[in-house]
Amino acid sequence: MSDKELLSAISNIVSLQIEPLKQDIGSMKQDIGSMKQDIDSMKQDIDSMKQDIDSMKQDIDSMKQDIDSMKQDIDSMKQDIKSTKIILENNVLPRLQTIEACYTSTYNRYVCETEDIQTMKSDIKVLKKVVAEHSEKLQKIG
């Protein structure tokens, strides 16, 4: 074989061997292009997620401030409740007990006197009748 034939044969063999490599490289280029698109999409998703996380951080900070404010309000309310309890215990309750004692003793007196009052009403009715009768008798005599 001549050099040209050998070179031609080698060229054919190399061409046959290179053709699948070219196809593989073409396929790899397509895969890399697809991967680039996927990576770009992932970058956009990550950027969106970063914005969402930043927004969530701001919301959490706002919530922390609100919670701190609520804690202060609750502490203030606890102090007010303690103060109210003390006032009720030291001032209002003793006064109520005094008022209750006064009303109870007054009620007990009236309950005891109720029978006497009823008796007095009956007696007054009888007296009215007797006085009326005596008045009539005195007018007839006089």
N, C-alpha and C. Protein backbone atom coordinates (compact mmCIF):
# COMPACT_ATOMS: atom_id res chain seq x y z
N MET A 1 0.83 -1.15 0.00
CA MET A 1 0.00 0.00 0.00
C MET A 1 0.89 1.23 0.00
N SER A 2 0.38 2.14 -0.71
CA SER A 2 1.14 3.37 -0.80
C SER A 2 0.79 4.27 0.37
N ASP A 3 1.61 5.26 0.49
CA ASP A 3 1.39 6.19 1.60
C ASP A 3 0.03 6.87 1.49
N LYS A 4 -0.35 7.17 0.30
CA LYS A 4 -1.64 7.84 0.09
C LYS A 4 -2.76 6.92 0.50
N GLU A 5 -2.62 5.66 0.13
CA GLU A 5 -3.68 4.70 0.47
C GLU A 5 -3.73 4.52 1.98
N LEU A 6 -2.53 4.45 2.58
CA LEU A 6 -2.48 4.30 4.02
C LEU A 6 -3.10 5.53 4.70
N LEU A 7 -2.71 6.67 4.21
CA LEU A 7 -3.27 7.90 4.78
C LEU A 7 -4.78 7.94 4.58
N SER A 8 -5.25 7.52 3.45
CA SER A 8 -6.68 7.50 3.16
C SER A 8 -7.39 6.52 4.08
N ALA A 9 -6.75 5.33 4.25
CA ALA A 9 -7.34 4.32 5.13
C ALA A 9 -7.37 4.84 6.57
N ILE A 10 -6.27 5.45 7.00
CA ILE A 10 -6.20 6.00 8.35
C ILE A 10 -7.23 7.11 8.51
N SER A 11 -7.35 7.94 7.47
CA SER A 11 -8.32 9.04 7.48
C SER A 11 -9.73 8.50 7.60
N ASN A 12 -10.02 7.42 6.87
CA ASN A 12 -11.36 6.80 6.94
C ASN A 12 -11.61 6.24 8.34
N ILE A 13 -10.60 5.58 8.89
CA ILE A 13 -10.75 4.99 10.22
C ILE A 13 -10.95 6.11 11.25
N VAL A 14 -10.13 7.15 11.14
CA VAL A 14 -10.25 8.27 12.09
C VAL A 14 -11.61 8.94 11.92
N SER A 15 -12.06 9.10 10.67
CA SER A 15 -13.37 9.71 10.41
C SER A 15 -14.47 8.87 11.04
N LEU A 16 -14.35 7.55 10.88
CA LEU A 16 -15.36 6.66 11.48
C LEU A 16 -15.33 6.75 13.01
N GLN A 17 -14.15 6.89 13.56
CA GLN A 17 -14.02 6.99 15.02
C GLN A 17 -14.45 8.38 15.52
N ILE A 18 -14.19 9.40 14.72
CA ILE A 18 -14.51 10.78 15.13
C ILE A 18 -16.00 11.06 15.01
N GLU A 19 -16.67 10.46 14.07
CA GLU A 19 -18.10 10.74 13.84
C GLU A 19 -18.93 10.49 15.11
N PRO A 20 -18.80 9.34 15.79
CA PRO A 20 -19.57 9.16 17.03
C PRO A 20 -19.17 10.19 18.08
N LEU A 21 -17.85 10.57 18.10
CA LEU A 21 -17.42 11.58 19.05
C LEU A 21 -18.08 12.92 18.74
N LYS A 22 -18.19 13.23 17.46
CA LYS A 22 -18.85 14.48 17.06
C LYS A 22 -20.31 14.47 17.51
N GLN A 23 -20.96 13.30 17.33
CA GLN A 23 -22.36 13.19 17.73
C GLN A 23 -22.48 13.33 19.26
N ASP A 24 -21.54 12.66 19.96
CA ASP A 24 -21.55 12.76 21.42
C ASP A 24 -21.32 14.21 21.87
N ILE A 25 -20.36 14.89 21.20
CA ILE A 25 -20.07 16.29 21.54
C ILE A 25 -21.29 17.15 21.23
N GLY A 26 -21.97 16.91 20.13
CA GLY A 26 -23.20 17.66 19.79
C GLY A 26 -24.27 17.44 20.84
N SER A 27 -24.41 16.17 21.23
CA SER A 27 -25.39 15.84 22.28
C SER A 27 -25.02 16.53 23.59
N MET A 28 -23.72 16.53 23.89
CA MET A 28 -23.25 17.17 25.12
C MET A 28 -23.51 18.67 25.07
N LYS A 29 -23.32 19.28 23.89
CA LYS A 29 -23.58 20.71 23.73
C LYS A 29 -25.06 21.00 24.00
N GLN A 30 -25.93 20.13 23.48
CA GLN A 30 -27.36 20.32 23.73
C GLN A 30 -27.67 20.18 25.23
N ASP A 31 -27.06 19.16 25.84
CA ASP A 31 -27.28 18.94 27.27
C ASP A 31 -26.77 20.13 28.08
N ILE A 32 -25.58 20.66 27.70
CA ILE A 32 -25.02 21.81 28.40
C ILE A 32 -25.91 23.02 28.23
N GLY A 33 -26.45 23.22 27.02
CA GLY A 33 -27.38 24.33 26.76
C GLY A 33 -28.62 24.19 27.63
N SER A 34 -29.15 22.98 27.70
CA SER A 34 -30.32 22.72 28.53
C SER A 34 -29.99 22.97 30.00
N MET A 35 -28.80 22.55 30.42
CA MET A 35 -28.38 22.75 31.80
C MET A 35 -28.23 24.23 32.10
N LYS A 36 -27.72 25.00 31.13
CA LYS A 36 -27.58 26.44 31.32
C LYS A 36 -28.96 27.07 31.55
N GLN A 37 -29.94 26.61 30.74
CA GLN A 37 -31.30 27.14 30.92
C GLN A 37 -31.84 26.77 32.31
N ASP A 38 -31.59 25.53 32.71
CA ASP A 38 -32.05 25.08 34.03
C ASP A 38 -31.38 25.90 35.14
N ILE A 39 -30.07 26.16 34.97
CA ILE A 39 -29.33 26.92 35.97
C ILE A 39 -29.85 28.35 36.02
N ASP A 40 -30.12 28.95 34.84
CA ASP A 40 -30.68 30.30 34.82
C ASP A 40 -32.04 30.34 35.53
N SER A 41 -32.86 29.33 35.27
CA SER A 41 -34.16 29.24 35.92
C SER A 41 -33.99 29.09 37.43
N MET A 42 -33.02 28.27 37.83
CA MET A 42 -32.76 28.08 39.25
C MET A 42 -32.27 29.38 39.89
N LYS A 43 -31.44 30.14 39.17
CA LYS A 43 -30.96 31.42 39.68
C LYS A 43 -32.14 32.36 39.92
N GLN A 44 -33.07 32.39 38.97
CA GLN A 44 -34.25 33.25 39.13
C GLN A 44 -35.07 32.80 40.34
N ASP A 45 -35.23 31.48 40.48
CA ASP A 45 -35.97 30.94 41.63
C ASP A 45 -35.28 31.31 42.94
N ILE A 46 -33.96 31.20 42.95
CA ILE A 46 -33.19 31.53 44.16
C ILE A 46 -33.33 33.02 44.48
N ASP A 47 -33.26 33.87 43.43
CA ASP A 47 -33.44 35.31 43.66
C ASP A 47 -34.83 35.59 44.24
N SER A 48 -35.83 34.93 43.68
CA SER A 48 -37.20 35.09 44.19
C SER A 48 -37.28 34.62 45.64
N MET A 49 -36.64 33.51 45.92
CA MET A 49 -36.65 32.98 47.29
C MET A 49 -35.94 33.94 48.24
N LYS A 50 -34.85 34.55 47.78
CA LYS A 50 -34.13 35.52 48.60
C LYS A 50 -35.04 36.69 48.95
N GLN A 51 -35.80 37.17 47.95
CA GLN A 51 -36.73 38.27 48.19
C GLN A 51 -37.80 37.86 49.20
N ASP A 52 -38.31 36.64 49.01
CA ASP A 52 -39.33 36.13 49.94
C ASP A 52 -38.76 36.03 51.36
N ILE A 53 -37.54 35.56 51.47
CA ILE A 53 -36.91 35.42 52.79
C ILE A 53 -36.70 36.79 53.41
N ASP A 54 -36.26 37.76 52.61
CA ASP A 54 -36.09 39.13 53.12
C ASP A 54 -37.43 39.68 53.62
N SER A 55 -38.48 39.44 52.84
CA SER A 55 -39.81 39.89 53.24
C SER A 55 -40.24 39.20 54.54
N MET A 56 -39.95 37.92 54.64
CA MET A 56 -40.30 37.17 55.86
C MET A 56 -39.52 37.71 57.05
N LYS A 57 -38.25 38.04 56.84
CA LYS A 57 -37.44 38.61 57.93
C LYS A 57 -38.06 39.90 58.43
N GLN A 58 -38.49 40.75 57.49
CA GLN A 58 -39.12 42.01 57.88
C GLN A 58 -40.41 41.74 58.65
N ASP A 59 -41.21 40.78 58.17
CA ASP A 59 -42.45 40.43 58.87
C ASP A 59 -42.15 39.91 60.27
N ILE A 60 -41.13 39.09 60.41
CA ILE A 60 -40.76 38.54 61.71
C ILE A 60 -40.30 39.65 62.64
N ASP A 61 -39.50 40.58 62.11
CA ASP A 61 -39.06 41.71 62.93
C ASP A 61 -40.26 42.53 63.41
N SER A 62 -41.21 42.75 62.51
CA SER A 62 -42.42 43.49 62.88
C SER A 62 -43.20 42.73 63.95
N MET A 63 -43.29 41.42 63.78
CA MET A 63 -44.01 40.59 64.76
C MET A 63 -43.30 40.63 66.11
N LYS A 64 -41.97 40.62 66.10
CA LYS A 64 -41.22 40.70 67.35
C LYS A 64 -41.54 42.00 68.08
N GLN A 65 -41.59 43.09 67.32
CA GLN A 65 -41.91 44.38 67.92
C GLN A 65 -43.32 44.36 68.52
N ASP A 66 -44.25 43.78 67.76
CA ASP A 66 -45.62 43.68 68.24
C ASP A 66 -45.69 42.84 69.51
N ILE A 67 -44.96 41.75 69.54
CA ILE A 67 -44.95 40.87 70.71
C ILE A 67 -44.35 41.60 71.91
N ASP A 68 -43.28 42.33 71.68
CA ASP A 68 -42.67 43.10 72.77
C ASP A 68 -43.67 44.12 73.33
N SER A 69 -44.37 44.78 72.42
CA SER A 69 -45.38 45.75 72.85
C SER A 69 -46.48 45.06 73.65
N MET A 70 -46.90 43.89 73.17
CA MET A 70 -47.94 43.14 73.88
C MET A 70 -47.46 42.69 75.26
N LYS A 71 -46.20 42.30 75.34
CA LYS A 71 -45.63 41.91 76.64
C LYS A 71 -45.69 43.08 77.61
N GLN A 72 -45.33 44.26 77.13
CA GLN A 72 -45.38 45.44 77.99
C GLN A 72 -46.81 45.73 78.43
N ASP A 73 -47.75 45.61 77.49
CA ASP A 73 -49.15 45.83 77.83
C ASP A 73 -49.62 44.81 78.87
N ILE A 74 -49.23 43.57 78.71
CA ILE A 74 -49.63 42.52 79.65
C ILE A 74 -49.03 42.81 81.02
N ASP A 75 -47.77 43.21 81.05
CA ASP A 75 -47.14 43.55 82.34
C ASP A 75 -47.90 44.70 83.02
N SER A 76 -48.26 45.70 82.23
CA SER A 76 -49.02 46.83 82.76
C SER A 76 -50.38 46.37 83.29
N MET A 77 -51.02 45.49 82.54
CA MET A 77 -52.32 44.96 82.98
C MET A 77 -52.18 44.15 84.26
N LYS A 78 -51.10 43.39 84.37
CA LYS A 78 -50.87 42.62 85.59
C LYS A 78 -50.73 43.56 86.79
N GLN A 79 -50.00 44.64 86.61
CA GLN A 79 -49.83 45.60 87.69
C GLN A 79 -51.17 46.24 88.06
N ASP A 80 -51.96 46.58 87.03
CA ASP A 80 -53.28 47.16 87.29
C ASP A 80 -54.17 46.18 88.04
N ILE A 81 -54.12 44.91 87.67
CA ILE A 81 -54.93 43.89 88.33
C ILE A 81 -54.51 43.74 89.79
N LYS A 82 -53.20 43.73 90.03
CA LYS A 82 -52.72 43.64 91.41
C LYS A 82 -53.21 44.83 92.22
N SER A 83 -53.10 46.02 91.63
CA SER A 83 -53.54 47.23 92.31
C SER A 83 -55.04 47.16 92.59
N THR A 84 -55.81 46.71 91.64
CA THR A 84 -57.26 46.57 91.81
C THR A 84 -57.58 45.56 92.91
N LYS A 85 -56.87 44.45 92.93
CA LYS A 85 -57.09 43.45 93.97
C LYS A 85 -56.82 44.04 95.36
N ILE A 86 -55.75 44.80 95.46
CA ILE A 86 -55.40 45.41 96.75
C ILE A 86 -56.48 46.39 97.18
N ILE A 87 -56.95 47.21 96.24
CA ILE A 87 -58.02 48.17 96.56
C ILE A 87 -59.28 47.43 96.99
N LEU A 88 -59.63 46.38 96.25
CA LEU A 88 -60.82 45.61 96.61
C LEU A 88 -60.68 44.99 98.00
N GLU A 89 -59.52 44.44 98.25
CA GLU A 89 -59.30 43.75 99.52
C GLU A 89 -59.26 44.71 100.70
N ASN A 90 -58.61 45.85 100.52
CA ASN A 90 -58.40 46.77 101.64
C ASN A 90 -59.50 47.80 101.82
N ASN A 91 -60.16 48.21 100.74
CA ASN A 91 -61.15 49.29 100.85
C ASN A 91 -62.58 48.81 100.60
N VAL A 92 -62.80 48.21 99.47
CA VAL A 92 -64.16 47.90 99.05
C VAL A 92 -64.77 46.79 99.90
N LEU A 93 -64.04 45.72 100.09
CA LEU A 93 -64.58 44.58 100.83
C LEU A 93 -64.96 44.95 102.27
N PRO A 94 -64.10 45.64 103.02
CA PRO A 94 -64.53 46.03 104.37
C PRO A 94 -65.77 46.93 104.37
N ARG A 95 -65.84 47.84 103.42
CA ARG A 95 -67.01 48.73 103.34
C ARG A 95 -68.26 47.92 103.02
N LEU A 96 -68.14 46.99 102.09
CA LEU A 96 -69.29 46.15 101.76
C LEU A 96 -69.74 45.35 102.98
N GLN A 97 -68.80 44.86 103.73
CA GLN A 97 -69.15 44.11 104.93
C GLN A 97 -69.87 45.00 105.94
N THR A 98 -69.43 46.25 106.07
CA THR A 98 -70.09 47.19 106.97
C THR A 98 -71.51 47.48 106.49
N ILE A 99 -71.65 47.73 105.20
CA ILE A 99 -72.98 47.99 104.63
C ILE A 99 -73.87 46.77 104.81
N GLU A 100 -73.34 45.60 104.58
CA GLU A 100 -74.11 44.37 104.74
C GLU A 100 -74.57 44.21 106.19
N ALA A 101 -73.68 44.47 107.12
CA ALA A 101 -74.03 44.35 108.54
C ALA A 101 -75.15 45.33 108.89
N CYS A 102 -75.04 46.55 108.38
CA CYS A 102 -76.06 47.57 108.63
C CYS A 102 -77.41 47.13 108.08
N TYR A 103 -77.44 46.71 106.84
CA TYR A 103 -78.69 46.28 106.21
C TYR A 103 -79.24 45.03 106.88
N THR A 104 -78.37 44.14 107.28
CA THR A 104 -78.83 42.91 107.91
C THR A 104 -79.49 43.21 109.25
N SER A 105 -78.86 44.07 110.05
CA SER A 105 -79.46 44.41 111.35
C SER A 105 -80.77 45.16 111.15
N THR A 106 -80.82 46.08 110.18
CA THR A 106 -82.06 46.80 109.90
C THR A 106 -83.14 45.83 109.44
N TYR A 107 -82.78 44.95 108.58
CA TYR A 107 -83.75 43.94 108.09
C TYR A 107 -84.27 43.11 109.27
N ASN A 108 -83.38 42.66 110.13
CA ASN A 108 -83.81 41.84 111.27
C ASN A 108 -84.77 42.62 112.17
N ARG A 109 -84.50 43.91 112.39
CA ARG A 109 -85.43 44.72 113.21
C ARG A 109 -86.79 44.81 112.54
N TYR A 110 -86.81 45.06 111.24
CA TYR A 110 -88.09 45.18 110.54
C TYR A 110 -88.84 43.86 110.53
N VAL A 111 -88.11 42.77 110.39
CA VAL A 111 -88.78 41.46 110.39
C VAL A 111 -89.46 41.24 111.74
N CYS A 112 -88.77 41.57 112.81
CA CYS A 112 -89.33 41.39 114.15
C CYS A 112 -90.53 42.33 114.37
N GLU A 113 -90.45 43.51 113.83
CA GLU A 113 -91.50 44.52 114.05
C GLU A 113 -92.68 44.33 113.09
N THR A 114 -92.54 43.52 112.09
CA THR A 114 -93.62 43.34 111.11
C THR A 114 -94.88 42.82 111.78
N GLU A 115 -94.76 41.88 112.68
CA GLU A 115 -95.93 41.35 113.37
C GLU A 115 -96.58 42.45 114.21
N ASP A 116 -95.76 43.25 114.89
CA ASP A 116 -96.30 44.34 115.71
C ASP A 116 -97.04 45.34 114.83
N ILE A 117 -96.50 45.63 113.67
CA ILE A 117 -97.14 46.58 112.76
C ILE A 117 -98.49 46.03 112.32
N GLN A 118 -98.52 44.75 111.97
CA GLN A 118 -99.79 44.14 111.57
C GLN A 118 -100.82 44.19 112.72
N THR A 119 -100.33 43.94 113.92
CA THR A 119 -101.22 44.01 115.09
C THR A 119 -101.73 45.43 115.28
N MET A 120 -100.82 46.41 115.12
CA MET A 120 -101.22 47.81 115.28
C MET A 120 -102.24 48.21 114.22
N LYS A 121 -102.10 47.73 113.00
CA LYS A 121 -103.07 48.04 111.95
C LYS A 121 -104.44 47.50 112.34
N SER A 122 -104.45 46.28 112.84
CA SER A 122 -105.74 45.68 113.27
C SER A 122 -106.34 46.49 114.41
N ASP A 123 -105.50 46.86 115.37
CA ASP A 123 -105.98 47.65 116.50
C ASP A 123 -106.53 49.00 116.05
N ILE A 124 -105.85 49.64 115.10
CA ILE A 124 -106.29 50.95 114.59
C ILE A 124 -107.65 50.81 113.91
N LYS A 125 -107.83 49.73 113.16
CA LYS A 125 -109.13 49.52 112.50
C LYS A 125 -110.23 49.39 113.56
N VAL A 126 -109.94 48.63 114.60
CA VAL A 126 -110.93 48.45 115.68
C VAL A 126 -111.20 49.79 116.35
N LEU A 127 -110.14 50.56 116.61
CA LEU A 127 -110.30 51.87 117.24
C LEU A 127 -111.13 52.80 116.37
N LYS A 128 -110.91 52.77 115.06
CA LYS A 128 -111.68 53.62 114.15
C LYS A 128 -113.17 53.27 114.26
N LYS A 129 -113.45 51.98 114.29
CA LYS A 129 -114.85 51.57 114.38
C LYS A 129 -115.45 52.03 115.72
N VAL A 130 -114.70 51.82 116.78
CA VAL A 130 -115.20 52.20 118.11
C VAL A 130 -115.40 53.70 118.18
N VAL A 131 -114.43 54.48 117.68
CA VAL A 131 -114.55 55.94 117.70
C VAL A 131 -115.75 56.37 116.87
N ALA A 132 -115.92 55.74 115.71
CA ALA A 132 -117.06 56.08 114.86
C ALA A 132 -118.36 55.77 115.59
N GLU A 133 -118.42 54.64 116.23
CA GLU A 133 -119.64 54.27 116.96
C GLU A 133 -119.88 55.24 118.12
N HIS A 134 -118.82 55.56 118.85
CA HIS A 134 -118.96 56.47 119.99
C HIS A 134 -119.35 57.87 119.50
N SER A 135 -118.83 58.29 118.36
CA SER A 135 -119.19 59.59 117.80
C SER A 135 -120.68 59.62 117.47
N GLU A 136 -121.16 58.53 116.91
CA GLU A 136 -122.60 58.45 116.57
C GLU A 136 -123.43 58.52 117.87
N LYS A 137 -123.01 57.78 118.83
CA LYS A 137 -123.75 57.73 120.09
C LYS A 137 -123.74 59.11 120.75
N LEU A 138 -122.60 59.78 120.71
CA LEU A 138 -122.50 61.12 121.31
C LEU A 138 -123.36 62.13 120.55
N GLN A 139 -123.44 62.00 119.28
CA GLN A 139 -124.27 62.93 118.50
C GLN A 139 -125.74 62.67 118.81
N LYS A 140 -126.10 61.43 119.00
CA LYS A 140 -127.50 61.13 119.32
C LYS A 140 -127.83 61.66 120.71
N ILE A 141 -126.92 61.55 121.62
CA ILE A 141 -127.15 62.02 122.99
C ILE A 141 -127.17 63.54 122.98
N GLY A 142 -126.32 64.13 122.27
CA GLY A 142 -126.15 65.54 122.33
C GLY A 142 -127.06 66.30 121.45
